Amino acid sequence: MALRALIHRVALAEGVALEEGLRWGQPAFLAARGASLRIGAPSKAMKEQADFALYVHCQTPLIAEFQSGPGAGMRVEGTRAVLFRQGERLDEAALAFLIRRALTWHQR
């Protein structure tokens, strides 16, 4: 719920209209000029490392940009997700960077 709230706060701060729905049975956040975000269970290969994940479009450099900047050291799955443990404190500043970049992806 904290991650969902952060996505909505970033969208509001950026003036991005956000549509929330389901994609592959997971909460999805869509912006007309952005890449979609999803919150869901990690892949089977990552189940031991994480309880949930924030997914971005895997054919973008969003995760690489995140890791080379404010998300350095955070657990990720390839080019597609940031991984989390239940109860873990979210680094809101770092995640806001990733969320902002995703929601405005096509504006750049």
Protein backbone atom coordinates (compact mmCIF):
# COMPACT_ATOMS: atom_id res chain seq x y z
CA MET A 1 0.00 0.00 0.00
CA ALA A 2 2.91 2.37 0.73
CA LEU A 3 4.33 1.79 -2.74
CA ARG A 4 0.93 2.42 -4.35
CA ALA A 5 0.56 5.64 -2.36
CA LEU A 6 4.04 6.76 -3.45
CA ILE A 7 3.16 6.19 -7.12
CA HIS A 8 0.05 8.34 -6.73
CA ARG A 9 1.97 11.11 -4.90
CA VAL A 10 4.65 11.25 -7.61
CA ALA A 11 2.01 11.35 -10.36
CA LEU A 12 0.21 14.18 -8.60
CA ALA A 13 3.44 16.13 -8.09
CA GLU A 14 4.32 15.71 -11.78
CA GLY A 15 0.82 16.61 -12.97
CA VAL A 16 0.46 13.20 -14.60
CA ALA A 17 -3.03 11.74 -15.00
CA LEU A 18 -2.81 8.21 -13.70
CA GLU A 19 -5.05 5.32 -14.63
CA GLU A 20 -5.06 2.37 -12.26
CA GLY A 21 -6.11 -1.05 -13.44
CA LEU A 22 -5.05 -4.68 -13.58
CA ARG A 23 -2.46 -6.16 -15.93
CA TRP A 24 -1.65 -9.86 -15.62
CA GLY A 25 -3.72 -9.85 -12.43
CA GLN A 26 -1.47 -7.23 -10.81
CA PRO A 27 -2.16 -3.59 -9.92
CA ALA A 28 -0.96 -1.48 -12.85
CA PHE A 29 -0.44 2.25 -13.11
CA LEU A 30 -0.66 3.80 -16.56
CA ALA A 31 0.14 7.32 -17.73
CA ALA A 32 -0.74 8.45 -21.25
CA ARG A 33 2.83 9.58 -21.95
CA GLY A 34 4.65 7.15 -19.68
CA ALA A 35 5.73 3.56 -19.30
CA SER A 36 3.46 1.42 -17.15
CA LEU A 37 4.30 0.39 -13.60
CA ARG A 38 3.03 -2.76 -11.89
CA ILE A 39 3.21 -4.07 -8.34
CA GLY A 40 3.24 -7.83 -8.03
CA ALA A 41 4.81 -11.02 -6.84
CA PRO A 42 8.41 -11.60 -7.89
CA SER A 43 9.22 -14.22 -10.49
CA LYS A 44 9.73 -17.78 -9.27
CA ALA A 45 13.48 -17.35 -9.58
CA MET A 46 13.38 -14.38 -7.19
CA LYS A 47 10.94 -15.73 -4.57
CA GLU A 48 13.75 -16.34 -2.06
CA GLN A 49 15.03 -12.76 -2.41
CA ALA A 50 11.76 -10.82 -2.37
CA ASP A 51 8.13 -10.79 -1.33
CA PHE A 52 6.94 -8.28 -3.93
CA ALA A 53 8.29 -6.18 -6.79
CA LEU A 54 7.78 -2.93 -8.67
CA TYR A 55 7.86 -3.71 -12.39
CA VAL A 56 8.71 -1.35 -15.25
CA HIS A 57 8.80 -1.95 -19.00
CA CYS A 58 11.77 -4.27 -19.51
CA GLN A 59 12.78 -2.80 -22.86
CA THR A 60 13.66 0.57 -21.35
CA PRO A 61 16.84 1.62 -19.52
CA LEU A 62 14.78 2.64 -16.47
CA ILE A 63 16.24 0.05 -14.08
CA ALA A 64 19.80 0.67 -15.30
CA GLU A 65 19.36 4.44 -14.79
CA PHE A 66 17.87 3.78 -11.36
CA GLN A 67 20.76 1.54 -10.31
CA SER A 68 23.42 3.89 -11.59
CA GLY A 69 21.81 6.73 -9.64
CA PRO A 70 19.69 6.86 -6.50
CA GLY A 71 18.85 3.15 -6.53
CA ALA A 72 22.45 1.96 -6.33
CA GLY A 73 22.62 -1.12 -4.15
CA MET A 74 18.90 -1.93 -4.23
CA ARG A 75 17.84 -5.44 -5.23
CA VAL A 76 16.63 -5.66 -8.82
CA GLU A 77 15.65 -8.35 -11.28
CA GLY A 78 17.38 -7.66 -14.57
CA THR A 79 15.86 -4.76 -16.49
CA ARG A 80 12.35 -5.27 -15.20
CA ALA A 81 11.88 -4.93 -11.44
CA VAL A 82 12.95 -3.57 -8.07
CA LEU A 83 12.56 -6.20 -5.36
CA PHE A 84 11.29 -5.75 -1.80
CA ARG A 85 10.78 -7.69 1.42
CA GLN A 86 7.56 -7.28 3.37
CA GLY A 87 8.06 -4.80 6.22
CA GLU A 88 11.20 -3.34 4.64
CA ARG A 89 11.42 0.44 4.74
CA LEU A 90 11.01 1.95 1.26
CA ASP A 91 13.63 4.42 0.08
CA GLU A 92 10.99 6.86 -1.12
CA ALA A 93 13.42 9.37 -2.63
CA ALA A 94 15.15 6.74 -4.77
CA LEU A 95 11.86 5.11 -5.78
CA ALA A 96 10.31 8.49 -6.61
CA PHE A 97 13.15 8.98 -9.13
CA LEU A 98 12.29 5.68 -10.85
CA ILE A 99 8.53 6.30 -10.73
CA ARG A 100 8.91 9.84 -12.11
CA ARG A 101 11.10 8.60 -14.98
CA ALA A 102 8.61 5.84 -15.82
CA LEU A 103 5.51 8.05 -15.69
CA THR A 104 7.13 10.62 -18.00
CA TRP A 105 8.99 8.16 -20.25
CA HIS A 106 7.40 9.18 -23.56
CA GLN A 107 7.61 12.90 -22.77
CA ARG A 108 11.37 12.66 -23.08
